[in-house]
């Protein structure tokens, strides 16, 4: 919820933004970060960023990328990677891209080279023949989760560079779920395995 101007006297804290203290803070941030400057929030998040990275192919200016970025911020991933078209719809990110490292790669090969240079396995998430259910799969603590374009899914080049291809088990009639929803499920699956104290459903 937005908060109004901070009452005087203002706290003596270098992390706080004087403009926000004076005019209020309407940003979509947790209460702990109310009135903090963007730089202070980024610095604090950097202390606990994971080695999980999220990549998404941007072939047709996919509107879901903004939602994926917002979820990636919620899980404090190490970075988000846009593969293909540089431009993407930032509106859905609700300014959360200000708190994340966003890296552009011209194609899947460039993403693969970046991941290999950092010893990060690439795990593609798509409903394709031969994919392995993500449920029960031991996700590496440091890796890249790679998602495809809404509709066509991952390109052949992206699937070819993956170390593993995983899918999210479904029980209904639809062939696939929305890519932003799939990304959220996969990020949470990683968190359940690697972040102590993460709640799981019984």
Protein backbone atom coordinates (compact mmCIF):
# COMPACT_ATOMS: atom_id res chain seq x y z
CA UNK A 1 0.00 0.00 0.00
CA UNK A 2 1.24 3.53 -0.75
CA UNK A 3 2.33 5.64 2.21
CA UNK A 4 2.16 9.39 2.57
CA UNK A 5 4.88 11.85 3.54
CA UNK A 6 6.97 10.78 6.51
CA UNK A 7 6.24 12.78 9.68
CA UNK A 8 8.97 15.03 11.05
CA UNK A 9 11.54 14.66 12.38
CA UNK A 10 12.87 12.45 9.57
CA UNK A 11 15.02 9.45 10.51
CA UNK A 12 18.78 9.95 10.21
CA UNK A 13 19.36 7.18 7.69
CA UNK A 14 21.47 7.55 4.54
CA UNK A 15 19.41 4.86 2.80
CA UNK A 16 16.31 7.06 2.75
CA UNK A 17 15.29 9.22 -0.21
CA UNK A 18 14.47 12.79 0.83
CA UNK A 19 11.99 13.24 -2.02
CA UNK A 20 10.07 10.15 -0.94
CA UNK A 21 10.14 11.27 2.68
CA UNK A 22 8.66 14.58 1.66
CA UNK A 23 6.06 13.43 -0.87
CA UNK A 24 5.29 9.83 0.10
CA UNK A 25 6.14 6.45 -1.38
CA UNK A 26 3.67 4.83 -3.80
CA UNK A 27 6.09 2.21 -5.14
CA UNK A 28 5.38 -1.52 -5.15
CA UNK A 29 7.98 -2.40 -2.50
CA UNK A 30 7.82 -4.34 0.74
CA UNK A 31 7.35 -2.33 3.92
CA UNK A 32 11.00 -2.71 4.89
CA UNK A 33 12.05 -0.67 1.86
CA UNK A 34 9.57 2.18 2.30
CA UNK A 35 11.26 5.53 1.65
CA UNK A 36 14.56 3.84 0.69
CA UNK A 37 16.30 5.09 -2.45
CA UNK A 38 16.49 2.72 -5.43
CA UNK A 39 20.26 2.50 -5.01
CA UNK A 40 19.94 1.52 -1.36
CA UNK A 41 17.38 -1.18 -2.18
CA UNK A 42 19.56 -2.61 -4.96
CA UNK A 43 22.58 -2.68 -2.65
CA UNK A 44 20.61 -4.48 0.04
CA UNK A 45 19.18 -7.03 -2.41
CA UNK A 46 22.68 -7.70 -3.73
CA UNK A 47 23.64 -9.19 -0.36
CA UNK A 48 21.24 -12.11 -0.83
CA UNK A 49 20.91 -12.50 -4.60
CA UNK A 50 20.89 -16.13 -5.68
CA UNK A 51 22.90 -17.74 -8.47
CA UNK A 52 19.65 -18.58 -10.21
CA UNK A 53 19.27 -16.73 -13.51
CA UNK A 54 16.16 -16.51 -15.67
CA UNK A 55 16.23 -16.19 -19.46
CA UNK A 56 13.38 -15.72 -21.91
CA UNK A 57 13.30 -15.65 -25.68
CA UNK A 58 11.82 -12.46 -27.11
CA UNK A 59 10.92 -13.28 -30.70
CA UNK A 60 7.63 -11.42 -31.09
CA UNK A 61 7.77 -8.74 -28.36
CA UNK A 62 6.17 -11.06 -25.82
CA UNK A 63 3.98 -9.18 -23.33
CA UNK A 64 4.69 -11.81 -20.67
CA UNK A 65 8.30 -10.74 -20.19
CA UNK A 66 7.31 -7.91 -17.85
CA UNK A 67 5.50 -10.36 -15.59
CA UNK A 68 8.50 -12.70 -15.62
CA UNK A 69 10.79 -9.83 -14.61
CA UNK A 70 8.45 -8.89 -11.76
CA UNK A 71 8.46 -12.48 -10.49
CA UNK A 72 12.24 -12.69 -10.84
CA UNK A 73 12.52 -9.64 -8.61
CA UNK A 74 10.20 -11.26 -6.07
CA UNK A 75 12.57 -14.25 -5.88
CA UNK A 76 15.69 -12.01 -5.98
CA UNK A 77 17.35 -13.94 -8.79
CA UNK A 78 20.87 -13.19 -9.94
CA UNK A 79 19.74 -11.72 -13.24
CA UNK A 80 17.24 -11.77 -16.08
CA UNK A 81 18.32 -12.37 -19.66
CA UNK A 82 16.37 -11.26 -22.72
CA UNK A 83 17.25 -13.36 -25.78
CA UNK A 84 16.46 -12.01 -29.25
CA UNK A 85 14.68 -8.69 -29.60
CA UNK A 86 16.09 -6.05 -27.29
CA UNK A 87 12.82 -4.20 -26.75
CA UNK A 88 10.27 -5.71 -24.36
CA UNK A 89 7.13 -4.52 -22.62
CA UNK A 90 8.29 -3.00 -19.33
CA UNK A 91 4.82 -2.04 -18.15
CA UNK A 92 4.12 -5.50 -16.75
CA UNK A 93 7.33 -5.35 -14.70
CA UNK A 94 5.86 -2.50 -12.61
CA UNK A 95 9.30 -0.85 -12.37
CA UNK A 96 10.84 -3.95 -10.74
CA UNK A 97 13.44 -3.99 -13.54
CA UNK A 98 15.10 -1.10 -11.64
CA UNK A 99 16.17 -3.58 -8.97
CA UNK A 100 17.53 -6.33 -11.25
CA UNK A 101 20.38 -6.88 -13.66
CA UNK A 102 18.82 -7.20 -17.12
CA UNK A 103 21.16 -8.56 -19.80
CA UNK A 104 20.42 -8.76 -23.53
CA UNK A 105 21.73 -11.56 -25.75
CA UNK A 106 21.19 -11.37 -29.51
CA UNK A 107 20.45 -15.08 -29.84
CA UNK A 108 20.42 -18.39 -28.02
CA UNK A 109 24.04 -19.11 -28.94
CA UNK A 110 25.15 -15.94 -27.17
CA UNK A 111 23.20 -16.90 -24.05
CA UNK A 112 24.77 -20.36 -24.15
CA UNK A 113 28.26 -18.88 -24.39
CA UNK A 114 27.55 -16.56 -21.47
CA UNK A 115 26.27 -19.45 -19.33
CA UNK A 116 29.20 -21.73 -20.18
CA UNK A 117 31.70 -19.00 -19.30
CA UNK A 118 30.22 -18.99 -15.78
CA UNK A 119 29.72 -22.76 -15.44
CA UNK A 120 25.97 -22.32 -15.28
CA UNK A 121 23.91 -25.22 -16.68
CA UNK A 122 20.93 -24.16 -18.79
CA UNK A 123 17.59 -25.77 -17.93
CA UNK A 124 14.97 -25.25 -20.62
CA UNK A 125 11.34 -25.30 -19.50
CA UNK A 126 8.95 -26.45 -22.23
CA UNK A 127 6.36 -29.12 -22.98
CA UNK A 128 8.20 -31.10 -25.64
CA UNK A 129 8.84 -34.84 -26.23
CA UNK A 130 11.56 -36.11 -23.94
CA UNK A 131 11.18 -33.40 -21.32
CA UNK A 132 11.57 -34.43 -17.68
CA UNK A 133 9.02 -33.36 -15.03
CA UNK A 134 10.41 -30.56 -12.88
CA UNK A 135 8.76 -32.17 -9.88
CA UNK A 136 11.43 -34.31 -8.24
CA UNK A 137 14.24 -33.01 -10.46
CA UNK A 138 17.29 -31.86 -8.49
CA UNK A 139 17.67 -28.29 -9.69
CA UNK A 140 21.26 -26.99 -9.49
CA UNK A 141 21.85 -24.21 -6.97
CA UNK A 142 23.44 -22.15 -9.75
CA UNK A 143 21.76 -22.38 -13.15
CA UNK A 144 19.78 -20.62 -15.86
CA UNK A 145 16.08 -21.36 -16.30
CA UNK A 146 15.24 -20.73 -19.95
CA UNK A 147 11.70 -19.99 -21.16
CA UNK A 148 10.30 -19.61 -24.65
CA UNK A 149 7.97 -17.32 -26.48
CA UNK A 150 4.30 -17.51 -25.52
CA UNK A 151 2.67 -19.77 -28.12
CA UNK A 152 5.52 -21.39 -30.07
CA UNK A 153 7.63 -22.12 -27.00
CA UNK A 154 11.39 -22.44 -27.16
CA UNK A 155 13.16 -22.27 -30.50
CA UNK A 156 15.12 -25.30 -31.74
CA UNK A 157 18.36 -23.37 -31.12
CA UNK A 158 17.40 -22.72 -27.50
CA UNK A 159 16.44 -26.35 -26.90
CA UNK A 160 19.71 -27.50 -28.45
CA UNK A 161 21.86 -25.53 -26.00
CA UNK A 162 20.01 -26.77 -22.90
CA UNK A 163 21.69 -29.21 -20.54
CA UNK A 164 18.25 -30.47 -19.49
CA UNK A 165 14.72 -29.91 -20.76
CA UNK A 166 12.09 -29.87 -18.03
CA UNK A 167 8.32 -29.56 -18.06
CA UNK A 168 5.66 -28.74 -15.48
CA UNK A 169 3.25 -31.62 -14.95
CA UNK A 170 -0.38 -30.84 -15.81
CA UNK A 171 -3.63 -32.72 -15.35
CA UNK A 172 -6.14 -30.69 -17.35
CA UNK A 173 -7.04 -30.43 -21.03
CA UNK A 174 -4.88 -27.47 -22.07
CA UNK A 175 -1.59 -28.29 -23.78
CA UNK A 176 0.42 -25.70 -21.88
CA UNK A 177 0.19 -22.96 -19.29
CA UNK A 178 1.04 -19.30 -19.75
CA UNK A 179 4.80 -18.73 -19.89
CA UNK A 180 4.71 -16.16 -17.08
CA UNK A 181 2.88 -18.67 -14.88
CA UNK A 182 5.35 -21.40 -15.83
CA UNK A 183 8.27 -19.14 -14.92
CA UNK A 184 6.76 -18.41 -11.52
CA UNK A 185 6.24 -22.12 -10.81
CA UNK A 186 9.79 -22.99 -11.88
CA UNK A 187 11.37 -20.21 -9.81
CA UNK A 188 9.41 -21.32 -6.79
CA UNK A 189 10.44 -24.94 -7.37
CA UNK A 190 14.07 -23.79 -7.32
CA UNK A 191 13.49 -21.77 -4.14
CA UNK A 192 11.87 -24.71 -2.34
CA UNK A 193 15.03 -26.74 -2.95
CA UNK A 194 17.62 -24.09 -2.14
CA UNK A 195 16.26 -21.42 0.22
CA UNK A 196 15.94 -22.64 3.82
CA UNK A 197 12.55 -22.11 5.39
CA UNK A 198 10.58 -21.94 2.13
CA UNK A 199 7.06 -23.18 2.85
CA UNK A 200 5.73 -26.08 0.83
CA UNK A 201 2.21 -27.40 0.53
CA UNK A 202 1.40 -30.65 2.30
